[in-house]
Amino acid sequence: YPEFAIIYDRCSPDEVDTGGEKPNYWDQALAMIGASNFPGYWMHATDRPDAEFFDMYPAMKFKEVITNLAETTWKNKRTRDRKRPDGSTIPKGDPHGDMPVGIRVLKAWRVEHAEMWRRYHIFCQEVGRGRPLPCTDLTVRSSKELPWAARRRLRGEVNEVYLWHGSSPAAVQSIANGGFDLALCGSNVGSMFGRGVYLSECSSKADEYSRDDGGGYFGGCFAMLLCRVVLGESQVLTEADYEAHQRVGPGCDFDSTVGDRESAVGTYREFVVSSQDQVYPEYAIVYERLYRTGPRLR
């Protein structure tokens, strides 16, 4: 009689509670091994620059960091992109309680993709060579609110930051496998600041773009990516500019665009990059939304 069933995650040695002295996870969190290879805290980290691997590894300890970051970067502020479950706009005053008050992270994975990381690292180096360093400083909430041990992974001289990107569980899996598809970026909600990958420093803004799969294993759940992004030198806009991407990229004055609607109307800042190699989707999460009355049945 099969009385008990378990579902488990693999974990690396530093995640195991042996009852004795544990290796310090953060002591392993140096950004690189050598000058051109992989993050030292990855399970598949190696000093072979030509290594090939792809894995979505359970981020059991970093899940707590992500949970705290989602909480501290949440704003109870909605925009026209925030929809009710039926796709309609939430009425003024939110009489039906359709505005979430936060999220609960259910699963978190670290995306370890050798080829995608190599392209990202090369892009970062090219920005460093092509700009007077350091680039104009940007204070980004989703990096600022991380523990110092996580922030030290980032290369501040080229404005490397962590940013959120909301999507569906199926789309997050696809991005983890092959990166962002620029042909699809903005198709969900438009491109107010030109073509490119849209990211946010606030989990609540990323959640506006998140969708559930409508069924399957993660039916009723939503998904986000916490991405490493090279912003480089950014143009800052407060009003819509659908051609902003034409001033971004090699040979241009800027590497990215900041759509600062927070300064203009008190909502959010969005960050837009025009190359898929400019963003690395390092962490993937699946979560449920929390409402004033608690989570809703899935």
C-alpha atoms as a PDB file:
ATOM      1  CA  TYR A   1       0.000   0.000   0.000  1.00  0.00           C
ATOM      2  CA  PRO A   2       1.693   3.241  -1.121  1.00  0.00           C
ATOM      3  CA  GLU A   3       0.852   5.256   1.999  1.00  0.00           C
ATOM      4  CA  PHE A   4       3.213   8.187   1.477  1.00  0.00           C
ATOM      5  CA  ALA A   5       4.470   9.975  -1.637  1.00  0.00           C
ATOM      6  CA  ILE A   6       7.218  12.585  -1.782  1.00  0.00           C
ATOM      7  CA  ILE A   7       8.316  15.156  -4.334  1.00  0.00           C
ATOM      8  CA  TYR A   8      11.869  16.327  -3.885  1.00  0.00           C
ATOM      9  CA  ASP A   9      14.470  18.685  -5.345  1.00  0.00           C
ATOM     10  CA  ARG A  10      18.099  17.894  -6.013  1.00  0.00           C
ATOM     11  CA  CYS A  11      20.468  20.085  -4.042  1.00  0.00           C
ATOM     12  CA  SER A  12      24.153  20.852  -3.982  1.00  0.00           C
ATOM     13  CA  PRO A  13      26.354  19.974  -0.973  1.00  0.00           C
ATOM     14  CA  ASP A  14      26.165  23.477   0.505  1.00  0.00           C
ATOM     15  CA  GLU A  15      22.366  23.117   0.741  1.00  0.00           C
ATOM     16  CA  VAL A  16      22.449  19.936   2.847  1.00  0.00           C
ATOM     17  CA  ASP A  17      21.865  20.155   6.588  1.00  0.00           C
ATOM     18  CA  THR A  18      24.295  17.564   7.936  1.00  0.00           C
ATOM     19  CA  GLY A  19      23.997  18.687  11.539  1.00  0.00           C
ATOM     20  CA  GLY A  20      27.597  19.889  11.539  1.00  0.00           C
ATOM     21  CA  GLU A  21      29.365  22.978  10.321  1.00  0.00           C
ATOM     22  CA  LYS A  22      27.958  24.028   6.960  1.00  0.00           C
ATOM     23  CA  PRO A  23      29.933  25.484   4.077  1.00  0.00           C
ATOM     24  CA  ASN A  24      29.120  29.179   3.724  1.00  0.00           C
ATOM     25  CA  TYR A  25      26.977  29.661   0.613  1.00  0.00           C
ATOM     26  CA  TRP A  26      27.954  33.302   0.294  1.00  0.00           C
ATOM     27  CA  ASP A  27      31.673  32.559   0.507  1.00  0.00           C
ATOM     28  CA  GLN A  28      31.214  30.725  -2.797  1.00  0.00           C
ATOM     29  CA  ALA A  29      29.392  33.625  -4.411  1.00  0.00           C
ATOM     30  CA  LEU A  30      32.311  35.241  -6.222  1.00  0.00           C
ATOM     31  CA  ALA A  31      31.065  36.435  -9.579  1.00  0.00           C
ATOM     32  CA  MET A  32      33.537  34.559 -11.771  1.00  0.00           C
ATOM     33  CA  ILE A  33      36.132  31.797 -11.881  1.00  0.00           C
ATOM     34  CA  GLY A  34      39.003  33.516 -13.664  1.00  0.00           C
ATOM     35  CA  ALA A  35      38.304  36.267 -16.160  1.00  0.00           C
ATOM     36  CA  SER A  36      35.983  34.677 -18.684  1.00  0.00           C
ATOM     37  CA  ASN A  37      34.193  31.603 -17.369  1.00  0.00           C
ATOM     38  CA  PHE A  38      31.209  30.899 -15.128  1.00  0.00           C
ATOM     39  CA  PRO A  39      29.884  32.163 -11.781  1.00  0.00           C
ATOM     40  CA  GLY A  40      31.625  30.318  -8.968  1.00  0.00           C
ATOM     41  CA  TYR A  41      28.395  29.533  -7.079  1.00  0.00           C
ATOM     42  CA  TRP A  42      26.899  27.605 -10.010  1.00  0.00           C
ATOM     43  CA  MET A  43      26.615  23.857  -9.604  1.00  0.00           C
ATOM     44  CA  HIS A  44      28.192  23.376 -13.041  1.00  0.00           C
ATOM     45  CA  ALA A  45      30.938  25.977 -12.566  1.00  0.00           C
ATOM     46  CA  THR A  46      34.130  24.988 -14.357  1.00  0.00           C
ATOM     47  CA  ASP A  47      37.330  26.633 -15.551  1.00  0.00           C
ATOM     48  CA  ARG A  48      36.803  25.186 -19.049  1.00  0.00           C
ATOM     49  CA  PRO A  49      35.736  28.107 -21.248  1.00  0.00           C
ATOM     50  CA  ASP A  50      34.312  25.732 -23.909  1.00  0.00           C
ATOM     51  CA  ALA A  51      32.100  23.750 -21.502  1.00  0.00           C
ATOM     52  CA  GLU A  52      28.555  22.998 -22.628  1.00  0.00           C
ATOM     53  CA  PHE A  53      25.719  22.551 -20.131  1.00  0.00           C
ATOM     54  CA  PHE A  54      22.164  23.599 -19.388  1.00  0.00           C
ATOM     55  CA  ASP A  55      20.299  23.008 -16.162  1.00  0.00           C
ATOM     56  CA  MET A  56      17.574  24.606 -14.080  1.00  0.00           C
ATOM     57  CA  TYR A  57      18.948  23.894 -10.638  1.00  0.00           C
ATOM     58  CA  PRO A  58      16.784  24.275  -7.498  1.00  0.00           C
ATOM     59  CA  ALA A  59      17.814  27.520  -5.772  1.00  0.00           C
ATOM     60  CA  MET A  60      16.828  26.378  -2.310  1.00  0.00           C
ATOM     61  CA  LYS A  61      18.778  28.914  -0.244  1.00  0.00           C
ATOM     62  CA  PHE A  62      18.474  31.781  -2.704  1.00  0.00           C
ATOM     63  CA  LYS A  63      14.693  31.252  -2.712  1.00  0.00           C
ATOM     64  CA  GLU A  64      14.576  33.086   0.639  1.00  0.00           C
ATOM     65  CA  VAL A  65      16.559  35.977  -0.855  1.00  0.00           C
ATOM     66  CA  ILE A  66      14.179  36.122  -3.828  1.00  0.00           C
ATOM     67  CA  THR A  67      11.142  35.997  -1.522  1.00  0.00           C
ATOM     68  CA  ASN A  68      12.456  38.932   0.501  1.00  0.00           C
ATOM     69  CA  LEU A  69      13.325  40.862  -2.663  1.00  0.00           C
ATOM     70  CA  ALA A  70       9.836  40.329  -4.081  1.00  0.00           C
ATOM     71  CA  GLU A  71       8.383  41.704  -0.841  1.00  0.00           C
ATOM     72  CA  THR A  72      10.658  44.752  -0.557  1.00  0.00           C
ATOM     73  CA  THR A  73      10.240  45.737  -4.224  1.00  0.00           C
ATOM     74  CA  TRP A  74       6.430  45.394  -4.256  1.00  0.00           C
ATOM     75  CA  LYS A  75       4.423  48.619  -4.626  1.00  0.00           C
ATOM     76  CA  ASN A  76       0.673  48.808  -4.126  1.00  0.00           C
ATOM     77  CA  LYS A  77       0.367  50.831  -7.302  1.00  0.00           C
ATOM     78  CA  ARG A  78      -1.465  49.664 -10.383  1.00  0.00           C
ATOM     79  CA  THR A  79      -1.288  50.881 -13.963  1.00  0.00           C
ATOM     80  CA  ARG A  80      -3.398  50.280 -17.040  1.00  0.00           C
ATOM     81  CA  ASP A  81      -1.395  47.075 -17.569  1.00  0.00           C
ATOM     82  CA  ARG A  82      -2.949  45.533 -14.442  1.00  0.00           C
ATOM     83  CA  LYS A  83      -5.939  43.413 -15.485  1.00  0.00           C
ATOM     84  CA  ARG A  84      -8.633  41.369 -13.815  1.00  0.00           C
ATOM     85  CA  PRO A  85      -8.690  37.595 -14.425  1.00  0.00           C
ATOM     86  CA  ASP A  86     -11.149  38.128 -17.315  1.00  0.00           C
ATOM     87  CA  GLY A  87      -8.793  40.627 -18.983  1.00  0.00           C
ATOM     88  CA  SER A  88     -10.819  43.737 -18.119  1.00  0.00           C
ATOM     89  CA  THR A  89      -9.387  46.788 -16.366  1.00  0.00           C
ATOM     90  CA  ILE A  90      -9.656  46.922 -12.572  1.00  0.00           C
ATOM     91  CA  PRO A  91     -12.288  49.570 -11.690  1.00  0.00           C
ATOM     92  CA  LYS A  92     -11.367  52.578  -9.583  1.00  0.00           C
ATOM     93  CA  GLY A  93     -11.297  51.652  -5.911  1.00  0.00           C
ATOM     94  CA  ASP A  94     -10.856  47.941  -6.746  1.00  0.00           C
ATOM     95  CA  PRO A  95     -14.336  46.947  -5.501  1.00  0.00           C
ATOM     96  CA  HIS A  96     -13.786  43.247  -6.239  1.00  0.00           C
ATOM     97  CA  GLY A  97     -10.365  42.987  -4.586  1.00  0.00           C
ATOM     98  CA  ASP A  98      -8.581  42.105  -7.837  1.00  0.00           C
ATOM     99  CA  MET A  99      -5.371  43.987  -7.017  1.00  0.00           C
ATOM    100  CA  PRO A 100      -2.834  41.597  -5.449  1.00  0.00           C
ATOM    101  CA  VAL A 101      -1.059  42.718  -2.289  1.00  0.00           C
ATOM    102  CA  GLY A 102       2.003  40.533  -2.876  1.00  0.00           C
ATOM    103  CA  ILE A 103       3.174  37.124  -4.015  1.00  0.00           C
ATOM    104  CA  ARG A 104       4.216  33.829  -2.428  1.00  0.00           C
ATOM    105  CA  VAL A 105       7.185  32.148  -4.110  1.00  0.00           C
ATOM    106  CA  LEU A 106       6.487  28.440  -4.532  1.00  0.00           C
ATOM    107  CA  LYS A 107       9.519  27.297  -6.542  1.00  0.00           C
ATOM    108  CA  ALA A 108      12.835  28.877  -7.518  1.00  0.00           C
ATOM    109  CA  TRP A 109      15.482  27.650  -9.918  1.00  0.00           C
ATOM    110  CA  ARG A 110      18.881  28.940 -10.982  1.00  0.00           C
ATOM    111  CA  VAL A 111      19.341  28.818 -14.746  1.00  0.00           C
ATOM    112  CA  GLU A 112      22.801  27.520 -15.645  1.00  0.00           C
ATOM    113  CA  HIS A 113      23.199  27.841 -19.415  1.00  0.00           C
ATOM    114  CA  ALA A 114      26.790  27.834 -20.640  1.00  0.00           C
ATOM    115  CA  GLU A 115      26.315  29.255 -24.145  1.00  0.00           C
ATOM    116  CA  MET A 116      23.856  31.956 -23.048  1.00  0.00           C
ATOM    117  CA  TRP A 117      26.228  33.003 -20.263  1.00  0.00           C
ATOM    118  CA  ARG A 118      29.171  33.246 -22.679  1.00  0.00           C
ATOM    119  CA  ARG A 119      27.209  35.579 -24.969  1.00  0.00           C
ATOM    120  CA  TYR A 120      26.143  37.680 -21.996  1.00  0.00           C
ATOM    121  CA  HIS A 121      29.685  37.925 -20.648  1.00  0.00           C
ATOM    122  CA  ILE A 122      31.039  38.976 -24.061  1.00  0.00           C
ATOM    123  CA  PHE A 123      28.366  41.680 -24.302  1.00  0.00           C
ATOM    124  CA  CYS A 124      29.342  42.970 -20.867  1.00  0.00           C
ATOM    125  CA  GLN A 125      32.993  43.175 -21.927  1.00  0.00           C
ATOM    126  CA  GLU A 126      32.087  45.014 -25.134  1.00  0.00           C
ATOM    127  CA  VAL A 127      30.126  47.643 -23.210  1.00  0.00           C
ATOM    128  CA  GLY A 128      33.120  48.089 -20.905  1.00  0.00           C
ATOM    129  CA  ARG A 129      35.462  48.601 -23.848  1.00  0.00           C
ATOM    130  CA  GLY A 130      33.107  50.925 -25.723  1.00  0.00           C
ATOM    131  CA  ARG A 131      32.294  53.406 -22.952  1.00  0.00           C
ATOM    132  CA  PRO A 132      34.265  55.717 -20.682  1.00  0.00           C
ATOM    133  CA  LEU A 133      33.968  53.923 -17.352  1.00  0.00           C
ATOM    134  CA  PRO A 134      32.234  53.999 -15.026  1.00  0.00           C
ATOM    135  CA  CYS A 135      28.884  54.516 -16.771  1.00  0.00           C
ATOM    136  CA  THR A 136      26.508  57.079 -15.269  1.00  0.00           C
ATOM    137  CA  ASP A 137      25.326  55.510 -12.028  1.00  0.00           C
ATOM    138  CA  LEU A 138      21.773  54.179 -11.777  1.00  0.00           C
ATOM    139  CA  THR A 139      20.356  53.269  -8.373  1.00  0.00           C
ATOM    140  CA  VAL A 140      18.123  50.268  -9.083  1.00  0.00           C
ATOM    141  CA  ARG A 141      15.870  49.059  -6.299  1.00  0.00           C
ATOM    142  CA  SER A 142      15.996  45.361  -7.205  1.00  0.00           C
ATOM    143  CA  SER A 143      19.779  45.415  -6.815  1.00  0.00           C
ATOM    144  CA  LYS A 144      19.935  47.818  -3.887  1.00  0.00           C
ATOM    145  CA  GLU A 145      17.610  45.645  -1.781  1.00  0.00           C
ATOM    146  CA  LEU A 146      19.706  42.491  -2.231  1.00  0.00           C
ATOM    147  CA  PRO A 147      22.189  41.363   0.433  1.00  0.00           C
ATOM    148  CA  TRP A 148      25.683  42.688  -0.150  1.00  0.00           C
ATOM    149  CA  ALA A 149      26.930  39.175  -0.908  1.00  0.00           C
ATOM    150  CA  ALA A 150      24.589  39.023  -3.924  1.00  0.00           C
ATOM    151  CA  ARG A 151      25.278  42.618  -5.030  1.00  0.00           C
ATOM    152  CA  ARG A 152      29.021  41.962  -5.152  1.00  0.00           C
ATOM    153  CA  ARG A 153      28.470  39.598  -8.082  1.00  0.00           C
ATOM    154  CA  LEU A 154      27.558  42.584 -10.247  1.00  0.00           C
ATOM    155  CA  ARG A 155      29.891  44.760 -12.296  1.00  0.00           C
ATOM    156  CA  GLY A 156      28.892  48.244 -11.250  1.00  0.00           C
ATOM    157  CA  GLU A 157      31.133  50.053 -13.739  1.00  0.00           C
ATOM    158  CA  VAL A 158      28.848  48.936 -16.604  1.00  0.00           C
ATOM    159  CA  ASN A 159      25.634  49.235 -14.546  1.00  0.00           C
ATOM    160  CA  GLU A 160      25.070  45.497 -14.260  1.00  0.00           C
ATOM    161  CA  VAL A 161      21.923  44.999 -12.172  1.00  0.00           C
ATOM    162  CA  TYR A 162      19.261  42.464 -11.244  1.00  0.00           C
ATOM    163  CA  LEU A 163      15.797  43.163 -12.708  1.00  0.00           C
ATOM    164  CA  TRP A 164      12.447  41.347 -12.789  1.00  0.00           C
ATOM    165  CA  HIS A 165      10.652  40.103 -15.907  1.00  0.00           C
ATOM    166  CA  GLY A 166       7.105  38.748 -15.637  1.00  0.00           C
ATOM    167  CA  SER A 167       5.751  36.025 -17.913  1.00  0.00           C
ATOM    168  CA  SER A 168       3.969  32.672 -17.817  1.00  0.00           C
ATOM    169  CA  PRO A 169       5.498  29.416 -16.507  1.00  0.00           C
ATOM    170  CA  ALA A 170       5.697  28.017 -20.045  1.00  0.00           C
ATOM    171  CA  ALA A 171       7.309  31.187 -21.421  1.00  0.00           C
ATOM    172  CA  VAL A 172       9.821  31.289 -18.562  1.00  0.00           C
ATOM    173  CA  GLN A 173      10.868  27.731 -19.421  1.00  0.00           C
ATOM    174  CA  SER A 174      11.289  28.743 -23.061  1.00  0.00           C
ATOM    175  CA  ILE A 175      13.410  31.797 -22.144  1.00  0.00           C
ATOM    176  CA  ALA A 176      15.564  29.688 -19.834  1.00  0.00           C
ATOM    177  CA  ASN A 177      16.186  27.265 -22.695  1.00  0.00           C
ATOM    178  CA  GLY A 178      16.969  29.753 -25.442  1.00  0.00           C
ATOM    179  CA  GLY A 179      16.957  33.325 -24.188  1.00  0.00           C
ATOM    180  CA  PHE A 180      14.573  36.167 -25.009  1.00  0.00           C
ATOM    181  CA  ASP A 181      12.929  36.306 -28.421  1.00  0.00           C
ATOM    182  CA  LEU A 182      12.975  39.985 -29.425  1.00  0.00           C
ATOM    183  CA  ALA A 183      10.274  39.347 -32.013  1.00  0.00           C
ATOM    184  CA  LEU A 184       7.858  38.524 -29.178  1.00  0.00           C
ATOM    185  CA  CYS A 185       8.991  41.132 -26.642  1.00  0.00           C
ATOM    186  CA  GLY A 186       6.306  43.733 -26.008  1.00  0.00           C
ATOM    187  CA  SER A 187       3.634  41.718 -27.831  1.00  0.00           C
ATOM    188  CA  ASN A 188       1.689  41.283 -24.587  1.00  0.00           C
ATOM    189  CA  VAL A 189       1.390  44.910 -23.525  1.00  0.00           C
ATOM    190  CA  GLY A 190       2.942  47.124 -26.200  1.00  0.00           C
ATOM    191  CA  SER A 191       6.242  48.962 -26.514  1.00  0.00           C
ATOM    192  CA  MET A 192       5.909  52.417 -24.962  1.00  0.00           C
ATOM    193  CA  PHE A 193       9.675  52.958 -24.972  1.00  0.00           C
ATOM    194  CA  GLY A 194      10.598  51.230 -28.208  1.00  0.00           C
ATOM    195  CA  ARG A 195      11.348  47.647 -29.099  1.00  0.00           C
ATOM    196  CA  GLY A 196      13.263  45.424 -26.720  1.00  0.00           C
ATOM    197  CA  VAL A 197      13.121  43.330 -23.563  1.00  0.00           C
ATOM    198  CA  TYR A 198      11.143  45.128 -20.826  1.00  0.00           C
ATOM    199  CA  LEU A 199      12.207  44.651 -17.215  1.00  0.00           C
ATOM    200  CA  SER A 200      11.326  46.217 -13.878  1.00  0.00           C
ATOM    201  CA  GLU A 201      12.928  46.959 -10.535  1.00  0.00           C
ATOM    202  CA  CYS A 202       9.568  46.290  -8.833  1.00  0.00           C
ATOM    203  CA  SER A 203       8.086  42.811  -8.518  1.00  0.00           C
ATOM    204  CA  SER A 204       4.598  44.345  -8.637  1.00  0.00           C
ATOM    205  CA  LYS A 205       5.234  45.796 -12.101  1.00  0.00           C
ATOM    206  CA  ALA A 206       6.641  42.508 -13.403  1.00  0.00           C
ATOM    207  CA  ASP A 207       3.574  40.764 -11.972  1.00  0.00           C
ATOM    208  CA  GLU A 208       1.354  42.970 -14.163  1.00  0.00           C
ATOM    209  CA  TYR A 209       2.867  41.203 -17.177  1.00  0.00           C
ATOM    210  CA  SER A 210       2.728  37.706 -15.691  1.00  0.00           C
ATOM    211  CA  ARG A 211       0.151  35.198 -16.886  1.00  0.00           C
ATOM    212  CA  ASP A 212      -0.813  31.676 -15.864  1.00  0.00           C
ATOM    213  CA  ASP A 213      -0.733  28.818 -18.349  1.00  0.00           C
ATOM    214  CA  GLY A 214      -4.448  28.149 -17.984  1.00  0.00           C
ATOM    215  CA  GLY A 215      -3.838  24.492 -17.156  1.00  0.00           C
ATOM    216  CA  GLY A 216      -1.167  21.853 -16.836  1.00  0.00           C
ATOM    217  CA  TYR A 217       1.196  21.249 -13.921  1.00  0.00           C
ATOM    218  CA  PHE A 218       1.497  24.956 -13.041  1.00  0.00           C
ATOM    219  CA  GLY A 219      -2.084  25.870 -13.873  1.00  0.00           C
ATOM    220  CA  GLY A 220      -3.211  28.853 -11.799  1.00  0.00           C
ATOM    221  CA  CYS A 221       0.369  29.842 -10.985  1.00  0.00           C
ATOM    222  CA  PHE A 222       2.394  32.731 -12.357  1.00  0.00           C
ATOM    223  CA  ALA A 223       6.080  33.140 -13.172  1.00  0.00           C
ATOM    224  CA  MET A 224       8.902  35.670 -13.176  1.00  0.00           C
ATOM    225  CA  LEU A 225      12.568  35.785 -13.999  1.00  0.00           C
ATOM    226  CA  LEU A 226      15.170  37.611 -11.939  1.00  0.00           C
ATOM    227  CA  CYS A 227      17.677  38.598 -14.589  1.00  0.00           C
ATOM    228  CA  ARG A 228      21.209  39.932 -14.659  1.00  0.00           C
ATOM    229  CA  VAL A 229      21.191  42.890 -17.043  1.00  0.00           C
ATOM    230  CA  VAL A 230      23.933  45.122 -18.461  1.00  0.00           C
ATOM    231  CA  LEU A 231      22.373  48.597 -18.686  1.00  0.00           C
ATOM    232  CA  GLY A 232      25.584  50.431 -19.574  1.00  0.00           C
ATOM    233  CA  GLU A 233      24.819  54.060 -20.422  1.00  0.00           C
ATOM    234  CA  SER A 234      21.059  54.664 -20.276  1.00  0.00           C
ATOM    235  CA  GLN A 235      18.821  57.251 -21.865  1.00  0.00           C
ATOM    236  CA  VAL A 236      16.132  58.312 -19.387  1.00  0.00           C
ATOM    237  CA  LEU A 237      12.678  59.158 -20.770  1.00  0.00           C
ATOM    238  CA  THR A 238       9.576  60.330 -18.936  1.00  0.00           C
ATOM    239  CA  GLU A 239       7.180  60.240 -21.900  1.00  0.00           C
ATOM    240  CA  ALA A 240       6.384  57.601 -24.501  1.00  0.00           C
ATOM    241  CA  ASP A 241       8.883  57.264 -27.345  1.00  0.00           C
ATOM    242  CA  TYR A 242       8.146  54.344 -29.642  1.00  0.00           C
ATOM    243  CA  GLU A 243      11.403  54.855 -31.554  1.00  0.00           C
ATOM    244  CA  ALA A 244      13.681  54.968 -28.484  1.00  0.00           C
ATOM    245  CA  HIS A 245      15.448  51.759 -29.553  1.00  0.00           C
ATOM    246  CA  GLN A 246      16.948  53.568 -32.560  1.00  0.00           C
ATOM    247  CA  ARG A 247      19.279  55.472 -30.204  1.00  0.00           C
ATOM    248  CA  VAL A 248      20.446  52.333 -28.410  1.00  0.00           C
ATOM    249  CA  GLY A 249      23.154  49.838 -29.361  1.00  0.00           C
ATOM    250  CA  PRO A 250      26.615  49.659 -30.971  1.00  0.00           C
ATOM    251  CA  GLY A 251      27.668  52.993 -32.410  1.00  0.00           C
ATOM    252  CA  CYS A 252      24.911  54.837 -30.523  1.00  0.00           C
ATOM    253  CA  ASP A 253      25.071  57.096 -27.484  1.00  0.00           C
ATOM    254  CA  PHE A 254      23.183  54.656 -25.257  1.00  0.00           C
ATOM    255  CA  ASP A 255      23.085  50.971 -24.339  1.00  0.00           C
ATOM    256  CA  SER A 256      19.597  50.903 -22.786  1.00  0.00           C
ATOM    257  CA  THR A 257      16.477  52.940 -22.073  1.00  0.00           C
ATOM    258  CA  VAL A 258      14.886  53.819 -18.725  1.00  0.00           C
ATOM    259  CA  GLY A 259      11.213  54.713 -19.024  1.00  0.00           C
ATOM    260  CA  ASP A 260      10.756  56.765 -15.874  1.00  0.00           C
ATOM    261  CA  ARG A 261       7.003  56.973 -15.384  1.00  0.00           C
ATOM    262  CA  GLU A 262       7.636  57.003 -11.648  1.00  0.00           C
ATOM    263  CA  SER A 263       8.953  60.574 -11.889  1.00  0.00           C
ATOM    264  CA  ALA A 264       6.269  61.576 -14.392  1.00  0.00           C
ATOM    265  CA  VAL A 265       3.089  60.111 -12.860  1.00  0.00           C
ATOM    266  CA  GLY A 266       4.168  58.219  -9.729  1.00  0.00           C
ATOM    267  CA  THR A 267       3.953  54.672 -11.109  1.00  0.00           C
ATOM    268  CA  TYR A 268       7.090  52.724 -12.127  1.00  0.00           C
ATOM    269  CA  ARG A 269      10.396  52.795 -13.942  1.00  0.00           C
ATOM    270  CA  GLU A 270      10.865  50.281 -16.731  1.00  0.00           C
ATOM    271  CA  PHE A 271      14.200  49.232 -18.202  1.00  0.00           C
ATOM    272  CA  VAL A 272      14.464  48.288 -21.873  1.00  0.00           C
ATOM    273  CA  VAL A 273      17.377  46.561 -23.599  1.00  0.00           C
ATOM    274  CA  SER A 274      17.548  45.895 -27.327  1.00  0.00           C
ATOM    275  CA  SER A 275      19.810  42.811 -27.435  1.00  0.00           C
ATOM    276  CA  GLN A 276      18.975  39.370 -26.059  1.00  0.00           C
ATOM    277  CA  ASP A 277      22.652  38.985 -25.142  1.00  0.00           C
ATOM    278  CA  GLN A 278      22.321  41.976 -22.801  1.00  0.00           C
ATOM    279  CA  VAL A 279      20.176  40.074 -20.327  1.00  0.00           C
ATOM    280  CA  TYR A 280      20.796  36.751 -18.591  1.00  0.00           C
ATOM    281  CA  PRO A 281      17.724  35.080 -16.973  1.00  0.00           C
ATOM    282  CA  GLU A 282      19.563  33.722 -13.925  1.00  0.00           C
ATOM    283  CA  TYR A 283      16.647  32.827 -11.631  1.00  0.00           C
ATOM    284  CA  ALA A 284      13.178  31.555 -12.480  1.00  0.00           C
ATOM    285  CA  ILE A 285      10.323  31.507 -10.002  1.00  0.00           C
ATOM    286  CA  VAL A 286       6.800  30.162  -9.967  1.00  0.00           C
ATOM    287  CA  TYR A 287       4.461  31.851  -7.523  1.00  0.00           C
ATOM    288  CA  GLU A 288       0.904  32.506  -6.462  1.00  0.00           C
ATOM    289  CA  ARG A 289      -0.662  35.913  -6.008  1.00  0.00           C
ATOM    290  CA  LEU A 290      -1.835  37.051  -2.599  1.00  0.00           C
ATOM    291  CA  TYR A 291      -4.963  39.159  -2.171  1.00  0.00           C
ATOM    292  CA  ARG A 292      -6.557  40.959   0.732  1.00  0.00           C
ATOM    293  CA  THR A 293      -8.459  37.766   1.492  1.00  0.00           C
ATOM    294  CA  GLY A 294      -5.394  35.516   0.959  1.00  0.00           C
ATOM    295  CA  PRO A 295      -4.434  33.308  -2.008  1.00  0.00           C
ATOM    296  CA  ARG A 296      -7.196  32.361  -4.435  1.00  0.00           C
ATOM    297  CA  LEU A 297      -8.045  28.782  -5.282  1.00  0.00           C
ATOM    298  CA  ARG A 298      -6.213  27.460  -8.335  1.00  0.00           C
END
